Amino acid sequence: MTQPSQSPNATRKELLLFISCFVIMSILYGMPRLIEYRASLHYIKELAIDCVFMAIACFPVWWIHFRKLTHWPLKKRFLLHFATCYIYYGIWVLLYQWYNPLDGLPRMTTRQIIQNLGPNLLFYIQVFGILHIYHFFRERETQLTREKELRELAYQGEINALKAQIQPHFLFNTLNSISASLPPEQEQARMLIARLADTFRYALLSTREELVPLSDELNFMRTYLALEQARFGKRLRFSVDADGSIARVRIPPMLLQPLVENAVKHGIEPAINGGAVSVTCRQKGAKVHIAISNTGRPFSGTVDQLFHSKGVGLVNMARRLERHYNEKLAVSDNGSGLCFEFCIPA
């Protein structure tokens, strides 16, 4: 189980529990003699000294188990108690060997050390048993809180998913309404709206699939470039060409779009006379070679600058390509623009 973070408030509560254990258990252990001697000041002093010494002896063990080694599994920390209980008892004995001569008492003999071992180990088990129970319930409370937060996030995710389904349908219906309201003489505008709706529809549907036919992806590229051509006019020329034998090859959806968008944005848009964007797919043996190239404005930067700019489209596309096919995205300068190439299994 994951350990909760040790906030100052949690540490104060734990130390308060720690001290309370010593006080209460020392009183319980000393109750018979307190009643017999009617709570004499001498015995109360002995009880207080013993309580302080046990607290001092337990503190290093507490620090090891509940601060230093909290990342250890609980079972491993339980086994560690077989060693740390003797650390506790050794410190307790040393404190009394130091204190007794100061109080005019003889040092403990070997027999007395052995006699006190049992009661001290029992005290040790009780104290650290209580602390482990406290930590268990605190960790359980943290886990329940985290699970509640995750349930709320999952619920919110379901709501967002429903909204995501509703909003595109609203958008499609709106586009269709706009298209239907246009007069016949604005047929070009109606075609653009229809293509825009097709673009949105494919982008939405493709997010639900792990792989889509290459032919669908290429049709999407044609629609996308046709929309861009309406914006740039004669400044943008494009071609999308593929061998018929590879139409059924399946690729991750929207894999080509960042490359085509990059070609339009950095090659066509800044060029006064525009340029051309070419998408070609050719079968070469057991693989399909895909190339997206552009003319227009020559690229003046470096390949590293392409993948370290503010945009994330190219970076994400390269990662998807490597994750799905273990293939690298090759980038070259064709003199009047850039060419992106990669291969996928046929």
C-alpha atoms as a PDB file:
ATOM      1  CA  MET A   1       0.000   0.000   0.000  1.00  0.00           C
ATOM      2  CA  THR A   2       1.276   3.439  -0.819  1.00  0.00           C
ATOM      3  CA  GLN A   3       2.461   5.437   2.146  1.00  0.00           C
ATOM      4  CA  PRO A   4       0.683   8.732   2.696  1.00  0.00           C
ATOM      5  CA  SER A   5       2.699  11.899   2.717  1.00  0.00           C
ATOM      6  CA  GLN A   6       3.858  12.968   6.154  1.00  0.00           C
ATOM      7  CA  SER A   7       2.200  16.311   6.726  1.00  0.00           C
ATOM      8  CA  PRO A   8       3.097  18.343   9.850  1.00  0.00           C
ATOM      9  CA  ASN A   9      -0.407  17.782  11.209  1.00  0.00           C
ATOM     10  CA  ALA A  10      -0.108  14.000  10.730  1.00  0.00           C
ATOM     11  CA  THR A  11       3.284  14.007  12.465  1.00  0.00           C
ATOM     12  CA  ARG A  12       1.885  15.918  15.445  1.00  0.00           C
ATOM     13  CA  LYS A  13      -0.983  13.456  15.772  1.00  0.00           C
ATOM     14  CA  GLU A  14       1.413  10.527  15.612  1.00  0.00           C
ATOM     15  CA  LEU A  15       3.729  11.987  18.234  1.00  0.00           C
ATOM     16  CA  LEU A  16       0.745  12.680  20.482  1.00  0.00           C
ATOM     17  CA  LEU A  17      -0.337   9.054  20.083  1.00  0.00           C
ATOM     18  CA  PHE A  18       3.257   7.962  20.704  1.00  0.00           C
ATOM     19  CA  ILE A  19       3.487   9.873  23.984  1.00  0.00           C
ATOM     20  CA  SER A  20      -0.008   8.846  25.076  1.00  0.00           C
ATOM     21  CA  CYS A  21       0.914   5.181  24.614  1.00  0.00           C
ATOM     22  CA  PHE A  22       3.886   5.532  26.951  1.00  0.00           C
ATOM     23  CA  VAL A  23       1.996   7.423  29.622  1.00  0.00           C
ATOM     24  CA  ILE A  24      -1.054   5.146  29.629  1.00  0.00           C
ATOM     25  CA  MET A  25       0.876   1.888  29.394  1.00  0.00           C
ATOM     26  CA  SER A  26       3.410   2.977  32.031  1.00  0.00           C
ATOM     27  CA  ILE A  27       0.531   3.769  34.406  1.00  0.00           C
ATOM     28  CA  LEU A  28      -1.117   0.412  33.652  1.00  0.00           C
ATOM     29  CA  TYR A  29       2.128  -1.480  34.211  1.00  0.00           C
ATOM     30  CA  GLY A  30       2.810   0.411  37.405  1.00  0.00           C
ATOM     31  CA  MET A  31      -0.768   0.297  38.729  1.00  0.00           C
ATOM     32  CA  PRO A  32      -0.182  -2.609  41.194  1.00  0.00           C
ATOM     33  CA  ARG A  33       2.758  -0.855  42.834  1.00  0.00           C
ATOM     34  CA  LEU A  34       1.002   2.527  42.722  1.00  0.00           C
ATOM     35  CA  ILE A  35      -1.841   1.027  44.717  1.00  0.00           C
ATOM     36  CA  GLU A  36       0.503  -0.882  47.052  1.00  0.00           C
ATOM     37  CA  TYR A  37       2.687   2.134  47.850  1.00  0.00           C
ATOM     38  CA  ARG A  38      -0.200   4.602  47.606  1.00  0.00           C
ATOM     39  CA  ALA A  39       1.432   6.578  44.823  1.00  0.00           C
ATOM     40  CA  SER A  40       4.572   7.624  46.705  1.00  0.00           C
ATOM     41  CA  LEU A  41       6.625  10.413  45.131  1.00  0.00           C
ATOM     42  CA  HIS A  42       9.636   8.119  44.896  1.00  0.00           C
ATOM     43  CA  TYR A  43       7.769   5.550  42.833  1.00  0.00           C
ATOM     44  CA  ILE A  44       6.091   8.195  40.665  1.00  0.00           C
ATOM     45  CA  LYS A  45       9.594   9.539  39.894  1.00  0.00           C
ATOM     46  CA  GLU A  46      10.797   6.030  39.013  1.00  0.00           C
ATOM     47  CA  LEU A  47       7.773   5.550  36.777  1.00  0.00           C
ATOM     48  CA  ALA A  48       8.340   8.888  35.021  1.00  0.00           C
ATOM     49  CA  ILE A  49      12.060   8.136  34.482  1.00  0.00           C
ATOM     50  CA  ASP A  50      11.221   4.707  33.073  1.00  0.00           C
ATOM     51  CA  CYS A  51       8.599   6.261  30.762  1.00  0.00           C
ATOM     52  CA  VAL A  52      11.113   8.853  29.482  1.00  0.00           C
ATOM     53  CA  PHE A  53      13.812   6.217  28.914  1.00  0.00           C
ATOM     54  CA  MET A  54      11.430   3.947  27.007  1.00  0.00           C
ATOM     55  CA  ALA A  55      10.352   6.888  24.850  1.00  0.00           C
ATOM     56  CA  ILE A  56      13.975   7.777  24.083  1.00  0.00           C
ATOM     57  CA  ALA A  57      14.761   4.129  23.268  1.00  0.00           C
ATOM     58  CA  CYS A  58      11.704   3.807  21.007  1.00  0.00           C
ATOM     59  CA  PHE A  59      12.278   7.029  19.098  1.00  0.00           C
ATOM     60  CA  PRO A  60      15.070   5.726  16.774  1.00  0.00           C
ATOM     61  CA  VAL A  61      12.987   2.632  16.027  1.00  0.00           C
ATOM     62  CA  TRP A  62       9.939   4.790  15.273  1.00  0.00           C
ATOM     63  CA  TRP A  63      12.037   6.934  12.927  1.00  0.00           C
ATOM     64  CA  ILE A  64      13.385   3.859  11.070  1.00  0.00           C
ATOM     65  CA  HIS A  65       9.983   2.206  10.587  1.00  0.00           C
ATOM     66  CA  PHE A  66       7.695   5.194  10.045  1.00  0.00           C
ATOM     67  CA  ARG A  67       9.953   7.765   8.412  1.00  0.00           C
ATOM     68  CA  LYS A  68      13.129   6.326   6.896  1.00  0.00           C
ATOM     69  CA  LEU A  69      11.813   3.008   5.534  1.00  0.00           C
ATOM     70  CA  THR A  70       8.174   3.809   4.787  1.00  0.00           C
ATOM     71  CA  HIS A  71       8.783   2.726   1.162  1.00  0.00           C
ATOM     72  CA  TRP A  72       9.480  -0.829   2.325  1.00  0.00           C
ATOM     73  CA  PRO A  73       6.632  -3.371   2.112  1.00  0.00           C
ATOM     74  CA  LEU A  74       4.766  -3.861   5.393  1.00  0.00           C
ATOM     75  CA  LYS A  75       5.828  -7.508   5.665  1.00  0.00           C
ATOM     76  CA  LYS A  76       9.486  -6.540   5.349  1.00  0.00           C
ATOM     77  CA  ARG A  77       9.124  -3.877   8.043  1.00  0.00           C
ATOM     78  CA  PHE A  78       7.450  -6.403  10.348  1.00  0.00           C
ATOM     79  CA  LEU A  79      10.451  -8.718   9.949  1.00  0.00           C
ATOM     80  CA  LEU A  80      12.739  -5.781  10.670  1.00  0.00           C
ATOM     81  CA  HIS A  81      11.216  -5.546  14.164  1.00  0.00           C
ATOM     82  CA  PHE A  82      13.135  -8.704  15.120  1.00  0.00           C
ATOM     83  CA  ALA A  83      16.292  -6.592  14.882  1.00  0.00           C
ATOM     84  CA  THR A  84      15.025  -3.166  15.979  1.00  0.00           C
ATOM     85  CA  CYS A  85      13.436  -4.506  19.173  1.00  0.00           C
ATOM     86  CA  TYR A  86      16.943  -5.312  20.418  1.00  0.00           C
ATOM     87  CA  ILE A  87      18.122  -1.840  19.396  1.00  0.00           C
ATOM     88  CA  TYR A  88      15.324  -0.453  21.559  1.00  0.00           C
ATOM     89  CA  TYR A  89      16.225  -2.661  24.505  1.00  0.00           C
ATOM     90  CA  GLY A  90      19.950  -1.956  24.153  1.00  0.00           C
ATOM     91  CA  ILE A  91      19.342   1.814  24.320  1.00  0.00           C
ATOM     92  CA  TRP A  92      17.029   1.355  27.329  1.00  0.00           C
ATOM     93  CA  VAL A  93      19.693  -0.672  29.183  1.00  0.00           C
ATOM     94  CA  LEU A  94      22.435   1.855  28.376  1.00  0.00           C
ATOM     95  CA  LEU A  95      20.302   4.706  29.681  1.00  0.00           C
ATOM     96  CA  TYR A  96      19.767   2.914  32.996  1.00  0.00           C
ATOM     97  CA  GLN A  97      23.431   1.969  33.262  1.00  0.00           C
ATOM     98  CA  TRP A  98      24.201   5.663  32.900  1.00  0.00           C
ATOM     99  CA  TYR A  99      21.419   6.906  35.190  1.00  0.00           C
ATOM    100  CA  ASN A 100      21.634   4.467  38.134  1.00  0.00           C
ATOM    101  CA  PRO A 101      25.042   5.649  39.422  1.00  0.00           C
ATOM    102  CA  LEU A 102      23.837   9.258  39.204  1.00  0.00           C
ATOM    103  CA  ASP A 103      20.858   8.341  41.397  1.00  0.00           C
ATOM    104  CA  GLY A 104      22.997   6.422  43.868  1.00  0.00           C
ATOM    105  CA  LEU A 105      21.872   3.024  42.596  1.00  0.00           C
ATOM    106  CA  PRO A 106      24.042   0.109  41.440  1.00  0.00           C
ATOM    107  CA  ARG A 107      24.290  -0.712  37.766  1.00  0.00           C
ATOM    108  CA  MET A 108      22.031  -3.487  36.491  1.00  0.00           C
ATOM    109  CA  THR A 109      23.515  -6.932  36.623  1.00  0.00           C
ATOM    110  CA  THR A 110      23.377  -9.401  33.723  1.00  0.00           C
ATOM    111  CA  ARG A 111      20.591 -11.249  35.531  1.00  0.00           C
ATOM    112  CA  GLN A 112      18.548  -8.070  35.896  1.00  0.00           C
ATOM    113  CA  ILE A 113      19.072  -7.243  32.213  1.00  0.00           C
ATOM    114  CA  ILE A 114      17.744 -10.680  31.226  1.00  0.00           C
ATOM    115  CA  GLN A 115      14.831 -10.386  33.684  1.00  0.00           C
ATOM    116  CA  ASN A 116      13.749  -7.046  32.206  1.00  0.00           C
ATOM    117  CA  LEU A 117      13.975  -8.275  28.616  1.00  0.00           C
ATOM    118  CA  GLY A 118      10.536  -9.948  28.542  1.00  0.00           C
ATOM    119  CA  PRO A 119       8.457  -7.057  29.963  1.00  0.00           C
ATOM    120  CA  ASN A 120      10.271  -4.555  27.732  1.00  0.00           C
ATOM    121  CA  LEU A 121       9.746  -6.603  24.575  1.00  0.00           C
ATOM    122  CA  LEU A 122       6.066  -6.986  25.464  1.00  0.00           C
ATOM    123  CA  PHE A 123       5.872  -3.222  25.932  1.00  0.00           C
ATOM    124  CA  TYR A 124       7.650  -2.776  22.562  1.00  0.00           C
ATOM    125  CA  ILE A 125       5.156  -5.039  20.785  1.00  0.00           C
ATOM    126  CA  GLN A 126       2.198  -3.196  22.256  1.00  0.00           C
ATOM    127  CA  VAL A 127       3.488   0.291  21.414  1.00  0.00           C
ATOM    128  CA  PHE A 128       4.507  -0.461  17.843  1.00  0.00           C
ATOM    129  CA  GLY A 129       1.435  -2.610  17.295  1.00  0.00           C
ATOM    130  CA  ILE A 130      -0.702   0.434  18.135  1.00  0.00           C
ATOM    131  CA  LEU A 131       1.401   2.616  15.824  1.00  0.00           C
ATOM    132  CA  HIS A 132       1.072   0.131  12.951  1.00  0.00           C
ATOM    133  CA  ILE A 133      -2.694  -0.001  13.471  1.00  0.00           C
ATOM    134  CA  TYR A 134      -2.810   3.800  13.420  1.00  0.00           C
ATOM    135  CA  HIS A 135      -0.815   3.908  10.177  1.00  0.00           C
ATOM    136  CA  PHE A 136      -2.960   1.201   8.623  1.00  0.00           C
ATOM    137  CA  PHE A 137      -6.170   3.153   9.229  1.00  0.00           C
ATOM    138  CA  ARG A 138      -4.557   6.415   8.101  1.00  0.00           C
ATOM    139  CA  GLU A 139      -3.336   4.786   4.896  1.00  0.00           C
ATOM    140  CA  ARG A 140      -6.740   3.201   4.401  1.00  0.00           C
ATOM    141  CA  GLU A 141      -8.393   6.596   4.803  1.00  0.00           C
ATOM    142  CA  THR A 142      -5.984   8.077   2.249  1.00  0.00           C
ATOM    143  CA  GLN A 143      -6.717   5.233  -0.158  1.00  0.00           C
ATOM    144  CA  LEU A 144     -10.481   5.679   0.220  1.00  0.00           C
ATOM    145  CA  THR A 145     -10.111   9.407  -0.423  1.00  0.00           C
ATOM    146  CA  ARG A 146      -8.038   8.694  -3.538  1.00  0.00           C
ATOM    147  CA  GLU A 147     -10.577   6.134  -4.769  1.00  0.00           C
ATOM    148  CA  LYS A 148     -13.367   8.660  -4.255  1.00  0.00           C
ATOM    149  CA  GLU A 149     -11.446  11.231  -6.279  1.00  0.00           C
ATOM    150  CA  LEU A 150     -10.844   8.677  -9.039  1.00  0.00           C
ATOM    151  CA  ARG A 151     -14.542   7.787  -9.105  1.00  0.00           C
ATOM    152  CA  GLU A 152     -15.397  11.468  -9.410  1.00  0.00           C
ATOM    153  CA  LEU A 153     -12.856  11.848 -12.233  1.00  0.00           C
ATOM    154  CA  ALA A 154     -14.271   8.763 -13.989  1.00  0.00           C
ATOM    155  CA  TYR A 155     -17.779  10.144 -13.629  1.00  0.00           C
ATOM    156  CA  GLN A 156     -16.645  13.490 -14.994  1.00  0.00           C
ATOM    157  CA  GLY A 157     -14.921  11.641 -17.833  1.00  0.00           C
ATOM    158  CA  GLU A 158     -18.178   9.868 -18.693  1.00  0.00           C
ATOM    159  CA  ILE A 159     -19.999  13.191 -18.705  1.00  0.00           C
ATOM    160  CA  ASN A 160     -17.335  14.710 -20.956  1.00  0.00           C
ATOM    161  CA  ALA A 161     -17.545  11.702 -23.263  1.00  0.00           C
ATOM    162  CA  LEU A 162     -21.317  12.161 -23.558  1.00  0.00           C
ATOM    163  CA  LYS A 163     -20.773  15.853 -24.270  1.00  0.00           C
ATOM    164  CA  ALA A 164     -18.173  14.937 -26.883  1.00  0.00           C
ATOM    165  CA  GLN A 165     -20.764  12.761 -28.588  1.00  0.00           C
ATOM    166  CA  ILE A 166     -23.483  15.418 -28.406  1.00  0.00           C
ATOM    167  CA  GLN A 167     -21.402  18.418 -29.483  1.00  0.00           C
ATOM    168  CA  PRO A 168     -20.159  16.978 -32.843  1.00  0.00           C
ATOM    169  CA  HIS A 169     -23.714  15.926 -33.752  1.00  0.00           C
ATOM    170  CA  PHE A 170     -24.840  19.452 -32.951  1.00  0.00           C
ATOM    171  CA  LEU A 171     -22.011  20.763 -35.135  1.00  0.00           C
ATOM    172  CA  PHE A 172     -22.893  18.428 -38.021  1.00  0.00           C
ATOM    173  CA  ASN A 173     -26.556  19.374 -37.829  1.00  0.00           C
ATOM    174  CA  THR A 174     -25.635  23.068 -37.781  1.00  0.00           C
ATOM    175  CA  LEU A 175     -23.380  22.686 -40.826  1.00  0.00           C
ATOM    176  CA  ASN A 176     -26.084  20.783 -42.671  1.00  0.00           C
ATOM    177  CA  SER A 177     -28.618  23.510 -41.802  1.00  0.00           C
ATOM    178  CA  ILE A 178     -26.259  26.198 -43.104  1.00  0.00           C
ATOM    179  CA  SER A 179     -25.635  24.184 -46.268  1.00  0.00           C
ATOM    180  CA  ALA A 180     -29.369  23.669 -46.877  1.00  0.00           C
ATOM    181  CA  SER A 181     -30.086  27.383 -46.395  1.00  0.00           C
ATOM    182  CA  LEU A 182     -27.641  28.502 -49.094  1.00  0.00           C
ATOM    183  CA  PRO A 183     -29.134  29.480 -52.489  1.00  0.00           C
ATOM    184  CA  PRO A 184     -28.207  27.414 -55.576  1.00  0.00           C
ATOM    185  CA  GLU A 185     -25.817  30.062 -56.867  1.00  0.00           C
ATOM    186  CA  GLN A 186     -23.552  29.474 -53.840  1.00  0.00           C
ATOM    187  CA  GLU A 187     -22.840  25.846 -54.702  1.00  0.00           C
ATOM    188  CA  GLN A 188     -19.113  26.325 -54.037  1.00  0.00           C
ATOM    189  CA  ALA A 189     -19.794  27.413 -50.452  1.00  0.00           C
ATOM    190  CA  ARG A 190     -22.127  24.450 -50.013  1.00  0.00           C
ATOM    191  CA  MET A 191     -19.390  22.077 -51.164  1.00  0.00           C
ATOM    192  CA  LEU A 192     -16.902  23.613 -48.736  1.00  0.00           C
ATOM    193  CA  ILE A 193     -19.327  23.195 -45.848  1.00  0.00           C
ATOM    194  CA  ALA A 194     -19.912  19.565 -46.827  1.00  0.00           C
ATOM    195  CA  ARG A 195     -16.159  18.931 -46.931  1.00  0.00           C
ATOM    196  CA  LEU A 196     -15.721  20.626 -43.575  1.00  0.00           C
ATOM    197  CA  ALA A 197     -18.424  18.372 -42.112  1.00  0.00           C
ATOM    198  CA  ASP A 198     -16.684  15.323 -43.621  1.00  0.00           C
ATOM    199  CA  THR A 199     -13.416  16.444 -42.051  1.00  0.00           C
ATOM    200  CA  PHE A 200     -14.955  16.792 -38.593  1.00  0.00           C
ATOM    201  CA  ARG A 201     -16.796  13.491 -38.969  1.00  0.00           C
ATOM    202  CA  TYR A 202     -13.636  11.561 -39.889  1.00  0.00           C
ATOM    203  CA  ALA A 203     -11.624  13.198 -37.110  1.00  0.00           C
ATOM    204  CA  LEU A 204     -14.304  12.161 -34.610  1.00  0.00           C
ATOM    205  CA  LEU A 205     -14.812   8.619 -35.861  1.00  0.00           C
ATOM    206  CA  SER A 206     -11.072   7.935 -36.207  1.00  0.00           C
ATOM    207  CA  THR A 207     -10.492   8.588 -32.496  1.00  0.00           C
ATOM    208  CA  ARG A 208     -12.595   5.503 -31.739  1.00  0.00           C
ATOM    209  CA  GLU A 209     -10.413   3.201 -33.842  1.00  0.00           C
ATOM    210  CA  GLU A 210      -6.892   1.989 -33.229  1.00  0.00           C
ATOM    211  CA  LEU A 211      -6.255   1.503 -36.971  1.00  0.00           C
ATOM    212  CA  VAL A 212      -8.055   2.683 -40.121  1.00  0.00           C
ATOM    213  CA  PRO A 213      -7.667   1.754 -43.811  1.00  0.00           C
ATOM    214  CA  LEU A 214      -4.981   3.711 -45.613  1.00  0.00           C
ATOM    215  CA  SER A 215      -7.542   4.578 -48.304  1.00  0.00           C
ATOM    216  CA  ASP A 216      -9.716   6.348 -45.692  1.00  0.00           C
ATOM    217  CA  GLU A 217      -6.734   8.295 -44.422  1.00  0.00           C
ATOM    218  CA  LEU A 218      -5.817   9.374 -47.958  1.00  0.00           C
ATOM    219  CA  ASN A 219      -9.414  10.432 -48.712  1.00  0.00           C
ATOM    220  CA  PHE A 220      -9.272  12.536 -45.552  1.00  0.00           C
ATOM    221  CA  MET A 221      -6.041  14.136 -46.813  1.00  0.00           C
ATOM    222  CA  ARG A 222      -7.731  14.966 -50.124  1.00  0.00           C
ATOM    223  CA  THR A 223     -10.641  16.614 -48.305  1.00  0.00           C
ATOM    224  CA  TYR A 224      -8.299  18.502 -45.973  1.00  0.00           C
ATOM    225  CA  LEU A 225      -6.145  19.786 -48.828  1.00  0.00           C
ATOM    226  CA  ALA A 226      -9.234  20.745 -50.848  1.00  0.00           C
ATOM    227  CA  LEU A 227     -10.360  22.939 -47.952  1.00  0.00           C
ATOM    228  CA  GLU A 228      -6.906  24.518 -47.743  1.00  0.00           C
ATOM    229  CA  GLN A 229      -6.941  25.023 -51.497  1.00  0.00           C
ATOM    230  CA  ALA A 230     -10.158  27.025 -51.159  1.00  0.00           C
ATOM    231  CA  ARG A 231      -8.253  29.293 -48.776  1.00  0.00           C
ATOM    232  CA  PHE A 232      -5.033  29.667 -50.783  1.00  0.00           C
ATOM    233  CA  GLY A 233      -6.502  29.397 -54.268  1.00  0.00           C
ATOM    234  CA  LYS A 234      -3.909  28.895 -57.018  1.00  0.00           C
ATOM    235  CA  ARG A 235      -1.109  29.242 -54.503  1.00  0.00           C
ATOM    236  CA  LEU A 236      -1.738  25.657 -53.372  1.00  0.00           C
ATOM    237  CA  ARG A 237      -1.481  22.657 -55.681  1.00  0.00           C
ATOM    238  CA  PHE A 238      -1.647  19.127 -54.350  1.00  0.00           C
ATOM    239  CA  SER A 239      -1.636  15.494 -55.340  1.00  0.00           C
ATOM    240  CA  VAL A 240      -2.457  12.343 -53.377  1.00  0.00           C
ATOM    241  CA  ASP A 241      -1.313   9.194 -55.140  1.00  0.00           C
ATOM    242  CA  ALA A 242      -1.164   5.580 -53.955  1.00  0.00           C
ATOM    243  CA  ASP A 243      -0.822   2.108 -55.411  1.00  0.00           C
ATOM    244  CA  GLY A 244      -4.166   0.338 -55.564  1.00  0.00           C
ATOM    245  CA  SER A 245      -2.688  -2.794 -53.953  1.00  0.00           C
ATOM    246  CA  ILE A 246      -2.153  -1.036 -50.616  1.00  0.00           C
ATOM    247  CA  ALA A 247      -5.585   0.521 -50.114  1.00  0.00           C
ATOM    248  CA  ARG A 248      -6.486  -2.017 -47.416  1.00  0.00           C
ATOM    249  CA  VAL A 249      -3.311  -1.487 -45.422  1.00  0.00           C
ATOM    250  CA  ARG A 250      -4.274  -0.205 -41.971  1.00  0.00           C
ATOM    251  CA  ILE A 251      -2.519   2.661 -40.198  1.00  0.00           C
ATOM    252  CA  PRO A 252      -3.116   4.701 -37.014  1.00  0.00           C
ATOM    253  CA  PRO A 253      -5.748   7.389 -37.701  1.00  0.00           C
ATOM    254  CA  MET A 254      -4.647  10.985 -38.309  1.00  0.00           C
ATOM    255  CA  LEU A 255      -1.037   9.827 -38.766  1.00  0.00           C
ATOM    256  CA  LEU A 256      -0.476  11.810 -41.965  1.00  0.00           C
ATOM    257  CA  GLN A 257      -2.359  14.972 -40.999  1.00  0.00           C
ATOM    258  CA  PRO A 258       0.441  16.637 -38.937  1.00  0.00           C
ATOM    259  CA  LEU A 259       2.882  16.183 -41.833  1.00  0.00           C
ATOM    260  CA  VAL A 260       0.487  17.634 -44.404  1.00  0.00           C
ATOM    261  CA  GLU A 261      -0.425  20.491 -42.071  1.00  0.00           C
ATOM    262  CA  ASN A 262       3.265  21.245 -41.543  1.00  0.00           C
ATOM    263  CA  ALA A 263       3.810  21.312 -45.321  1.00  0.00           C
ATOM    264  CA  VAL A 264       0.970  23.814 -45.814  1.00  0.00           C
ATOM    265  CA  LYS A 265       1.856  25.987 -42.835  1.00  0.00           C
ATOM    266  CA  HIS A 266       5.626  26.257 -43.366  1.00  0.00           C
ATOM    267  CA  GLY A 267       5.912  25.688 -47.111  1.00  0.00           C
ATOM    268  CA  ILE A 268       2.835  27.140 -48.808  1.00  0.00           C
ATOM    269  CA  GLU A 269       1.536  29.858 -46.471  1.00  0.00           C
ATOM    270  CA  PRO A 270       4.746  31.976 -46.255  1.00  0.00           C
ATOM    271  CA  ALA A 271       5.518  31.670 -49.997  1.00  0.00           C
ATOM    272  CA  ILE A 272       4.213  34.505 -52.174  1.00  0.00           C
ATOM    273  CA  ASN A 273       3.784  32.219 -55.169  1.00  0.00           C
ATOM    274  CA  GLY A 274       2.712  29.253 -53.072  1.00  0.00           C
ATOM    275  CA  GLY A 275       3.790  25.737 -53.925  1.00  0.00           C
ATOM    276  CA  ALA A 276       2.753  22.111 -54.165  1.00  0.00           C
ATOM    277  CA  VAL A 277       2.079  19.394 -51.580  1.00  0.00           C
ATOM    278  CA  SER A 278       2.536  15.796 -52.628  1.00  0.00           C
ATOM    279  CA  VAL A 279       1.438  12.637 -50.774  1.00  0.00           C
ATOM    280  CA  THR A 280       2.657   9.374 -52.331  1.00  0.00           C
ATOM    281  CA  CYS A 281       2.312   5.785 -51.127  1.00  0.00           C
ATOM    282  CA  ARG A 282       4.230   3.017 -52.883  1.00  0.00           C
ATOM    283  CA  GLN A 283       4.623  -0.656 -52.057  1.00  0.00           C
ATOM    284  CA  LYS A 284       8.235  -1.738 -51.816  1.00  0.00           C
ATOM    285  CA  GLY A 285       8.500  -5.405 -51.009  1.00  0.00           C
ATOM    286  CA  ALA A 286       6.899  -6.190 -47.657  1.00  0.00           C
ATOM    287  CA  LYS A 287       6.569  -2.517 -46.742  1.00  0.00           C
ATOM    288  CA  VAL A 288       4.675   0.572 -47.834  1.00  0.00           C
ATOM    289  CA  HIS A 289       6.785   3.665 -48.398  1.00  0.00           C
ATOM    290  CA  ILE A 290       4.946   6.918 -47.614  1.00  0.00           C
ATOM    291  CA  ALA A 291       6.325  10.346 -48.510  1.00  0.00           C
ATOM    292  CA  ILE A 292       4.879  13.818 -47.888  1.00  0.00           C
ATOM    293  CA  SER A 293       6.794  16.617 -49.583  1.00  0.00           C
ATOM    294  CA  ASN A 294       6.235  20.244 -50.413  1.00  0.00           C
ATOM    295  CA  THR A 295       7.652  23.061 -52.489  1.00  0.00           C
ATOM    296  CA  GLY A 296       7.247  26.743 -51.786  1.00  0.00           C
ATOM    297  CA  ARG A 297       9.353  28.447 -49.193  1.00  0.00           C
ATOM    298  CA  PRO A 298      12.697  26.686 -48.611  1.00  0.00           C
ATOM    299  CA  PHE A 299      13.293  25.555 -45.047  1.00  0.00           C
ATOM    300  CA  SER A 300      16.052  27.603 -43.409  1.00  0.00           C
ATOM    301  CA  GLY A 301      16.317  25.829 -40.067  1.00  0.00           C
ATOM    302  CA  THR A 302      17.560  22.449 -38.885  1.00  0.00           C
ATOM    303  CA  VAL A 303      15.774  19.159 -38.339  1.00  0.00           C
ATOM    304  CA  ASP A 304      16.203  19.539 -34.574  1.00  0.00           C
ATOM    305  CA  GLN A 305      14.359  22.855 -34.698  1.00  0.00           C
ATOM    306  CA  LEU A 306      11.399  21.112 -36.334  1.00  0.00           C
ATOM    307  CA  PHE A 307      11.023  18.717 -33.418  1.00  0.00           C
ATOM    308  CA  HIS A 308      11.786  21.231 -30.673  1.00  0.00           C
ATOM    309  CA  SER A 309       9.424  24.024 -31.665  1.00  0.00           C
ATOM    310  CA  LYS A 310       6.317  24.986 -29.691  1.00  0.00           C
ATOM    311  CA  GLY A 311       4.110  22.683 -31.795  1.00  0.00           C
ATOM    312  CA  VAL A 312       3.699  19.076 -30.711  1.00  0.00           C
ATOM    313  CA  GLY A 313       2.153  17.603 -33.873  1.00  0.00           C
ATOM    314  CA  LEU A 314       5.387  16.364 -35.466  1.00  0.00           C
ATOM    315  CA  VAL A 315       6.758  15.079 -32.160  1.00  0.00           C
ATOM    316  CA  ASN A 316       3.583  13.142 -31.399  1.00  0.00           C
ATOM    317  CA  MET A 317       3.446  11.746 -34.935  1.00  0.00           C
ATOM    318  CA  ALA A 318       7.051  10.510 -34.715  1.00  0.00           C
ATOM    319  CA  ARG A 319       6.323   8.877 -31.339  1.00  0.00           C
ATOM    320  CA  ARG A 320       3.210   7.146 -32.670  1.00  0.00           C
ATOM    321  CA  LEU A 321       5.160   5.880 -35.681  1.00  0.00           C
ATOM    322  CA  GLU A 322       7.883   4.453 -33.482  1.00  0.00           C
ATOM    323  CA  ARG A 323       5.422   2.990 -30.976  1.00  0.00           C
ATOM    324  CA  HIS A 324       3.319   1.198 -33.611  1.00  0.00           C
ATOM    325  CA  TYR A 325       5.969   0.141 -36.116  1.00  0.00           C
ATOM    326  CA  ASN A 326       9.373   0.804 -34.535  1.00  0.00           C
ATOM    327  CA  GLU A 327      10.095   3.025 -37.539  1.00  0.00           C
ATOM    328  CA  LYS A 328      11.838   6.384 -37.629  1.00  0.00           C
ATOM    329  CA  LEU A 329      10.527   9.472 -39.413  1.00  0.00           C
ATOM    330  CA  ALA A 330      13.106  10.611 -41.988  1.00  0.00           C
ATOM    331  CA  VAL A 331      13.285  14.315 -42.865  1.00  0.00           C
ATOM    332  CA  SER A 332      15.212  15.723 -45.821  1.00  0.00           C
ATOM    333  CA  ASP A 333      15.534  19.046 -47.660  1.00  0.00           C
ATOM    334  CA  ASN A 334      14.506  18.851 -51.320  1.00  0.00           C
ATOM    335  CA  GLY A 335      15.861  22.311 -52.122  1.00  0.00           C
ATOM    336  CA  SER A 336      12.509  24.098 -52.235  1.00  0.00           C
ATOM    337  CA  GLY A 337      10.902  22.554 -49.158  1.00  0.00           C
ATOM    338  CA  LEU A 338      10.917  19.457 -46.992  1.00  0.00           C
ATOM    339  CA  CYS A 339      10.229  15.782 -47.528  1.00  0.00           C
ATOM    340  CA  PHE A 340       8.991  13.472 -44.737  1.00  0.00           C
ATOM    341  CA  GLU A 341       9.347   9.740 -45.346  1.00  0.00           C
ATOM    342  CA  PHE A 342       8.634   6.552 -43.409  1.00  0.00           C
ATOM    343  CA  CYS A 343       7.693   2.922 -43.963  1.00  0.00           C
ATOM    344  CA  ILE A 344       4.964   0.707 -42.530  1.00  0.00           C
ATOM    345  CA  PRO A 345       4.255  -3.026 -42.996  1.00  0.00           C
ATOM    346  CA  ALA A 346       2.257  -3.843 -46.128  1.00  0.00           C
END
